[in-house]
Amino acid sequence: MARQGMVMALLLVVLAAGCWESVSGAAMLSQLKATLAVTASPTPNQVLHGGEDVITVTWSLNATAGTDAEYKKVKVSLCYAPVSQKGREWRKTHDDLKKDKTCQFKVTEQAYAATGTVEYRIALDIPTATYFVRAYALDASGSQVAYGQTLPGATFDVVSITGVTTSIKVAAAVFSTFSVASLAFFFFIEKRKKNN
């Protein structure tokens, strides 16, 4: 009986420690300071093509932000705009950054500088959607401590490459026609054999 009580108490301590760690270690977007000013080269509502177009992202420390002594790295990502999140749970914004699915496409992660610029060619695997750019300032442990983004006004559209070329469409049409013709021919032959 005493053993069961000790096991139960140990289980409760482990559970409480796990809950405390998850509550205290999770960065919340609403609690981060918006100390980075982020701009991106696409004009609002511009259409970009995967594998072809390049965007230039620039970030700097806001003049009123205070100190950036704890910033060690900056991580820049492409993020789904709210219009591209509707009806798509796998793109939803969540205040807990460990659960957030908004910014799935890393542009860069590099050492922090108060002002920085990066050029990024839109990858071929970026889905067709409307995007904005967000930058996180990271501390020495890699945790997000501040951010900046191009929202609300500076969103742009990305059109992904489908990979279906004209030659593939022609080949599909030829083979489809051949298969239907072959089916009709063999059906005719079988009918003829039955009648004889």
C-alpha atoms as a PDB file:
ATOM      1  CA  MET A   1       0.000   0.000   0.000  1.00  0.00           C
ATOM      2  CA  ALA A   2       2.814   2.387   0.899  1.00  0.00           C
ATOM      3  CA  ARG A   3       4.536   1.456  -2.340  1.00  0.00           C
ATOM      4  CA  GLN A   4       1.468   2.417  -4.386  1.00  0.00           C
ATOM      5  CA  GLY A   5       1.285   5.751  -2.585  1.00  0.00           C
ATOM      6  CA  MET A   6       4.951   6.438  -3.309  1.00  0.00           C
ATOM      7  CA  VAL A   7       4.546   5.526  -6.976  1.00  0.00           C
ATOM      8  CA  MET A   8       1.490   7.769  -7.211  1.00  0.00           C
ATOM      9  CA  ALA A   9       3.330  10.674  -5.557  1.00  0.00           C
ATOM     10  CA  LEU A  10       6.309  10.214  -7.914  1.00  0.00           C
ATOM     11  CA  LEU A  11       3.966  10.157 -10.883  1.00  0.00           C
ATOM     12  CA  LEU A  12       2.315  13.413  -9.754  1.00  0.00           C
ATOM     13  CA  VAL A  13       5.716  15.094  -9.269  1.00  0.00           C
ATOM     14  CA  VAL A  14       6.862  14.074 -12.763  1.00  0.00           C
ATOM     15  CA  LEU A  15       3.569  15.214 -14.287  1.00  0.00           C
ATOM     16  CA  ALA A  16       3.702  18.568 -12.475  1.00  0.00           C
ATOM     17  CA  ALA A  17       7.317  19.123 -13.549  1.00  0.00           C
ATOM     18  CA  GLY A  18       6.412  18.393 -17.174  1.00  0.00           C
ATOM     19  CA  CYS A  19       3.481  20.794 -17.063  1.00  0.00           C
ATOM     20  CA  TRP A  20       5.581  23.521 -15.442  1.00  0.00           C
ATOM     21  CA  GLU A  21       8.293  23.135 -18.095  1.00  0.00           C
ATOM     22  CA  SER A  22       5.805  23.319 -20.958  1.00  0.00           C
ATOM     23  CA  VAL A  23       4.147  26.431 -19.496  1.00  0.00           C
ATOM     24  CA  SER A  24       7.347  28.278 -18.628  1.00  0.00           C
ATOM     25  CA  GLY A  25       9.389  27.247 -21.695  1.00  0.00           C
ATOM     26  CA  ALA A  26       6.863  28.093 -24.388  1.00  0.00           C
ATOM     27  CA  ALA A  27       7.293  31.403 -26.183  1.00  0.00           C
ATOM     28  CA  MET A  28       4.043  33.197 -26.893  1.00  0.00           C
ATOM     29  CA  LEU A  29       3.799  35.530 -29.864  1.00  0.00           C
ATOM     30  CA  SER A  30       1.602  37.928 -27.895  1.00  0.00           C
ATOM     31  CA  GLN A  31       4.341  38.260 -25.261  1.00  0.00           C
ATOM     32  CA  LEU A  32       7.199  38.967 -27.681  1.00  0.00           C
ATOM     33  CA  LYS A  33       8.206  42.555 -28.301  1.00  0.00           C
ATOM     34  CA  ALA A  34       7.812  43.796 -31.881  1.00  0.00           C
ATOM     35  CA  THR A  35      11.277  45.364 -31.948  1.00  0.00           C
ATOM     36  CA  LEU A  36      12.288  44.499 -35.505  1.00  0.00           C
ATOM     37  CA  ALA A  37      11.207  46.564 -38.502  1.00  0.00           C
ATOM     38  CA  VAL A  38      10.878  44.157 -41.435  1.00  0.00           C
ATOM     39  CA  THR A  39      10.401  45.023 -45.102  1.00  0.00           C
ATOM     40  CA  ALA A  40      10.255  42.814 -48.185  1.00  0.00           C
ATOM     41  CA  SER A  41      10.812  43.803 -51.811  1.00  0.00           C
ATOM     42  CA  PRO A  42       7.510  42.575 -53.302  1.00  0.00           C
ATOM     43  CA  THR A  43       4.873  45.253 -53.607  1.00  0.00           C
ATOM     44  CA  PRO A  44       1.522  44.506 -51.927  1.00  0.00           C
ATOM     45  CA  ASN A  45      -0.424  41.835 -53.848  1.00  0.00           C
ATOM     46  CA  GLN A  46       2.453  41.231 -56.290  1.00  0.00           C
ATOM     47  CA  VAL A  47       2.482  37.746 -57.849  1.00  0.00           C
ATOM     48  CA  LEU A  48       5.783  35.838 -57.604  1.00  0.00           C
ATOM     49  CA  HIS A  49       6.697  32.519 -59.239  1.00  0.00           C
ATOM     50  CA  GLY A  50       8.441  29.649 -57.484  1.00  0.00           C
ATOM     51  CA  GLY A  51      11.942  28.935 -58.751  1.00  0.00           C
ATOM     52  CA  GLU A  52      12.105  32.212 -60.676  1.00  0.00           C
ATOM     53  CA  ASP A  53      11.550  35.297 -58.532  1.00  0.00           C
ATOM     54  CA  VAL A  54      13.789  36.639 -55.782  1.00  0.00           C
ATOM     55  CA  ILE A  55      12.670  38.655 -52.780  1.00  0.00           C
ATOM     56  CA  THR A  56      14.889  40.915 -50.698  1.00  0.00           C
ATOM     57  CA  VAL A  57      14.125  41.008 -46.980  1.00  0.00           C
ATOM     58  CA  THR A  58      15.534  43.758 -44.783  1.00  0.00           C
ATOM     59  CA  TRP A  59      15.288  44.038 -41.013  1.00  0.00           C
ATOM     60  CA  SER A  60      16.478  46.620 -38.520  1.00  0.00           C
ATOM     61  CA  LEU A  61      16.032  47.427 -34.864  1.00  0.00           C
ATOM     62  CA  ASN A  62      13.189  49.880 -34.207  1.00  0.00           C
ATOM     63  CA  ALA A  63      14.475  53.242 -32.997  1.00  0.00           C
ATOM     64  CA  THR A  64      12.174  53.065 -29.956  1.00  0.00           C
ATOM     65  CA  ALA A  65      12.870  49.386 -29.210  1.00  0.00           C
ATOM     66  CA  GLY A  66      15.561  49.815 -26.589  1.00  0.00           C
ATOM     67  CA  THR A  67      18.428  47.359 -26.310  1.00  0.00           C
ATOM     68  CA  ASP A  68      19.156  44.300 -28.409  1.00  0.00           C
ATOM     69  CA  ALA A  69      21.937  42.891 -26.217  1.00  0.00           C
ATOM     70  CA  GLU A  70      20.288  39.480 -25.835  1.00  0.00           C
ATOM     71  CA  TYR A  71      19.739  39.006 -29.601  1.00  0.00           C
ATOM     72  CA  LYS A  72      22.239  36.456 -30.961  1.00  0.00           C
ATOM     73  CA  LYS A  73      20.560  35.243 -34.174  1.00  0.00           C
ATOM     74  CA  VAL A  74      17.811  36.287 -36.529  1.00  0.00           C
ATOM     75  CA  LYS A  75      15.478  33.806 -38.209  1.00  0.00           C
ATOM     76  CA  VAL A  76      13.451  34.981 -41.213  1.00  0.00           C
ATOM     77  CA  SER A  77      10.490  32.974 -42.536  1.00  0.00           C
ATOM     78  CA  LEU A  78       7.751  33.105 -45.145  1.00  0.00           C
ATOM     79  CA  CYS A  79       4.394  32.950 -43.400  1.00  0.00           C
ATOM     80  CA  TYR A  80       0.871  32.242 -44.607  1.00  0.00           C
ATOM     81  CA  ALA A  81      -1.267  35.381 -44.654  1.00  0.00           C
ATOM     82  CA  PRO A  82      -4.637  35.170 -42.868  1.00  0.00           C
ATOM     83  CA  VAL A  83      -6.493  34.850 -46.196  1.00  0.00           C
ATOM     84  CA  SER A  84      -4.507  31.662 -46.978  1.00  0.00           C
ATOM     85  CA  GLN A  85      -5.220  30.162 -43.553  1.00  0.00           C
ATOM     86  CA  LYS A  86      -9.008  30.079 -43.835  1.00  0.00           C
ATOM     87  CA  GLY A  87     -10.279  26.491 -43.832  1.00  0.00           C
ATOM     88  CA  ARG A  88      -6.739  25.087 -43.561  1.00  0.00           C
ATOM     89  CA  GLU A  89      -5.934  23.902 -40.053  1.00  0.00           C
ATOM     90  CA  TRP A  90      -2.382  22.960 -41.066  1.00  0.00           C
ATOM     91  CA  ARG A  91      -1.650  26.681 -41.661  1.00  0.00           C
ATOM     92  CA  LYS A  92      -3.330  28.173 -38.589  1.00  0.00           C
ATOM     93  CA  THR A  93      -1.790  30.823 -36.374  1.00  0.00           C
ATOM     94  CA  HIS A  94      -1.367  29.859 -32.730  1.00  0.00           C
ATOM     95  CA  ASP A  95      -0.095  32.127 -29.965  1.00  0.00           C
ATOM     96  CA  ASP A  96       2.143  29.332 -28.611  1.00  0.00           C
ATOM     97  CA  LEU A  97       5.042  29.401 -31.094  1.00  0.00           C
ATOM     98  CA  LYS A  98       5.679  25.666 -30.669  1.00  0.00           C
ATOM     99  CA  LYS A  99       2.175  25.022 -32.020  1.00  0.00           C
ATOM    100  CA  ASP A 100       2.132  27.859 -34.559  1.00  0.00           C
ATOM    101  CA  LYS A 101       1.867  26.689 -38.174  1.00  0.00           C
ATOM    102  CA  THR A 102       1.917  30.097 -39.840  1.00  0.00           C
ATOM    103  CA  CYS A 103       5.634  30.373 -40.666  1.00  0.00           C
ATOM    104  CA  GLN A 104       6.647  27.045 -42.174  1.00  0.00           C
ATOM    105  CA  PHE A 105       9.246  28.167 -44.732  1.00  0.00           C
ATOM    106  CA  LYS A 106      12.639  29.300 -43.469  1.00  0.00           C
ATOM    107  CA  VAL A 107      14.312  32.014 -45.517  1.00  0.00           C
ATOM    108  CA  THR A 108      17.458  32.276 -43.383  1.00  0.00           C
ATOM    109  CA  GLU A 109      18.841  31.889 -39.892  1.00  0.00           C
ATOM    110  CA  GLN A 110      22.031  33.808 -39.287  1.00  0.00           C
ATOM    111  CA  ALA A 111      23.985  35.796 -36.721  1.00  0.00           C
ATOM    112  CA  TYR A 112      22.124  38.876 -35.551  1.00  0.00           C
ATOM    113  CA  ALA A 113      23.066  42.317 -36.791  1.00  0.00           C
ATOM    114  CA  ALA A 114      21.074  45.443 -35.911  1.00  0.00           C
ATOM    115  CA  THR A 115      20.477  45.909 -39.635  1.00  0.00           C
ATOM    116  CA  GLY A 116      20.499  43.069 -42.125  1.00  0.00           C
ATOM    117  CA  THR A 117      19.441  42.075 -45.619  1.00  0.00           C
ATOM    118  CA  VAL A 118      18.983  38.731 -47.317  1.00  0.00           C
ATOM    119  CA  GLU A 119      17.975  37.751 -50.847  1.00  0.00           C
ATOM    120  CA  TYR A 120      15.834  34.646 -51.212  1.00  0.00           C
ATOM    121  CA  ARG A 121      14.814  32.859 -54.407  1.00  0.00           C
ATOM    122  CA  ILE A 122      11.299  31.472 -53.943  1.00  0.00           C
ATOM    123  CA  ALA A 123      11.739  27.695 -53.649  1.00  0.00           C
ATOM    124  CA  LEU A 124       9.937  25.378 -56.070  1.00  0.00           C
ATOM    125  CA  ASP A 125       8.170  23.556 -53.231  1.00  0.00           C
ATOM    126  CA  ILE A 126       6.473  26.668 -51.812  1.00  0.00           C
ATOM    127  CA  PRO A 127       2.685  26.156 -52.158  1.00  0.00           C
ATOM    128  CA  THR A 128       0.503  28.616 -54.026  1.00  0.00           C
ATOM    129  CA  ALA A 129      -0.782  31.051 -51.380  1.00  0.00           C
ATOM    130  CA  THR A 130      -0.611  34.597 -50.055  1.00  0.00           C
ATOM    131  CA  TYR A 131       2.380  35.259 -47.783  1.00  0.00           C
ATOM    132  CA  PHE A 132       4.051  37.802 -45.538  1.00  0.00           C
ATOM    133  CA  VAL A 133       7.530  37.817 -43.988  1.00  0.00           C
ATOM    134  CA  ARG A 134       8.295  37.491 -40.268  1.00  0.00           C
ATOM    135  CA  ALA A 135      11.673  37.766 -38.555  1.00  0.00           C
ATOM    136  CA  TYR A 136      12.417  36.458 -35.055  1.00  0.00           C
ATOM    137  CA  ALA A 137      15.305  37.595 -32.877  1.00  0.00           C
ATOM    138  CA  LEU A 138      16.725  34.577 -31.035  1.00  0.00           C
ATOM    139  CA  ASP A 139      18.708  34.513 -27.799  1.00  0.00           C
ATOM    140  CA  ALA A 140      21.744  32.324 -27.056  1.00  0.00           C
ATOM    141  CA  SER A 141      19.511  29.295 -26.301  1.00  0.00           C
ATOM    142  CA  GLY A 142      17.668  29.651 -29.636  1.00  0.00           C
ATOM    143  CA  SER A 143      14.409  30.890 -28.084  1.00  0.00           C
ATOM    144  CA  GLN A 144      12.424  33.660 -29.745  1.00  0.00           C
ATOM    145  CA  VAL A 145      12.679  36.896 -27.749  1.00  0.00           C
ATOM    146  CA  ALA A 146      11.403  39.476 -30.264  1.00  0.00           C
ATOM    147  CA  TYR A 147       9.953  39.684 -33.743  1.00  0.00           C
ATOM    148  CA  GLY A 148       8.930  41.901 -36.628  1.00  0.00           C
ATOM    149  CA  GLN A 149       6.791  41.288 -39.695  1.00  0.00           C
ATOM    150  CA  THR A 150       5.500  42.865 -42.877  1.00  0.00           C
ATOM    151  CA  LEU A 151       1.844  42.428 -41.888  1.00  0.00           C
ATOM    152  CA  PRO A 152      -0.794  43.757 -42.075  1.00  0.00           C
ATOM    153  CA  GLY A 153      -0.437  45.535 -45.427  1.00  0.00           C
ATOM    154  CA  ALA A 154       2.494  43.966 -47.242  1.00  0.00           C
ATOM    155  CA  THR A 155       1.326  40.551 -48.448  1.00  0.00           C
ATOM    156  CA  PHE A 156       2.264  38.976 -51.754  1.00  0.00           C
ATOM    157  CA  ASP A 157       1.148  35.940 -53.744  1.00  0.00           C
ATOM    158  CA  VAL A 158       3.311  32.982 -54.733  1.00  0.00           C
ATOM    159  CA  VAL A 159       2.349  30.752 -57.646  1.00  0.00           C
ATOM    160  CA  SER A 160       4.037  27.377 -57.431  1.00  0.00           C
ATOM    161  CA  ILE A 161       5.339  25.384 -60.357  1.00  0.00           C
ATOM    162  CA  THR A 162       3.041  22.477 -61.231  1.00  0.00           C
ATOM    163  CA  GLY A 163       5.658  20.502 -63.170  1.00  0.00           C
ATOM    164  CA  VAL A 164       3.153  19.542 -65.882  1.00  0.00           C
ATOM    165  CA  THR A 165       4.688  20.566 -69.185  1.00  0.00           C
ATOM    166  CA  THR A 166       3.127  20.566 -72.633  1.00  0.00           C
ATOM    167  CA  SER A 167       5.082  17.462 -73.655  1.00  0.00           C
ATOM    168  CA  ILE A 168       3.663  15.535 -70.668  1.00  0.00           C
ATOM    169  CA  LYS A 169       0.131  16.595 -71.624  1.00  0.00           C
ATOM    170  CA  VAL A 170       0.677  15.478 -75.248  1.00  0.00           C
ATOM    171  CA  ALA A 171       2.121  12.125 -74.141  1.00  0.00           C
ATOM    172  CA  ALA A 172      -0.833  11.558 -71.788  1.00  0.00           C
ATOM    173  CA  ALA A 173      -3.304  12.331 -74.593  1.00  0.00           C
ATOM    174  CA  VAL A 174      -1.525   9.995 -77.068  1.00  0.00           C
ATOM    175  CA  PHE A 175      -1.375   7.099 -74.602  1.00  0.00           C
ATOM    176  CA  SER A 176      -4.992   7.619 -73.537  1.00  0.00           C
ATOM    177  CA  THR A 177      -6.149   7.586 -77.147  1.00  0.00           C
ATOM    178  CA  PHE A 178      -4.032   4.483 -77.867  1.00  0.00           C
ATOM    179  CA  SER A 179      -5.479   2.626 -74.861  1.00  0.00           C
ATOM    180  CA  VAL A 180      -9.086   3.388 -75.862  1.00  0.00           C
ATOM    181  CA  ALA A 181      -8.374   2.393 -79.493  1.00  0.00           C
ATOM    182  CA  SER A 182      -6.707  -0.855 -78.336  1.00  0.00           C
ATOM    183  CA  LEU A 183      -9.660  -1.679 -76.102  1.00  0.00           C
ATOM    184  CA  ALA A 184     -12.113  -1.104 -78.963  1.00  0.00           C
ATOM    185  CA  PHE A 185      -9.973  -3.173 -81.377  1.00  0.00           C
ATOM    186  CA  PHE A 186      -9.695  -6.171 -79.024  1.00  0.00           C
ATOM    187  CA  PHE A 187     -13.382  -5.941 -78.132  1.00  0.00           C
ATOM    188  CA  PHE A 188     -14.195  -6.070 -81.855  1.00  0.00           C
ATOM    189  CA  ILE A 189     -11.865  -9.110 -82.353  1.00  0.00           C
ATOM    190  CA  GLU A 190     -13.457 -10.999 -79.432  1.00  0.00           C
ATOM    191  CA  LYS A 191     -16.970 -10.279 -80.706  1.00  0.00           C
ATOM    192  CA  ARG A 192     -15.975 -11.555 -84.127  1.00  0.00           C
ATOM    193  CA  LYS A 193     -14.535 -14.778 -82.695  1.00  0.00           C
ATOM    194  CA  LYS A 194     -17.759 -15.437 -80.765  1.00  0.00           C
ATOM    195  CA  ASN A 195     -19.906 -14.983 -83.876  1.00  0.00           C
ATOM    196  CA  ASN A 196     -17.843 -17.497 -85.932  1.00  0.00           C
END
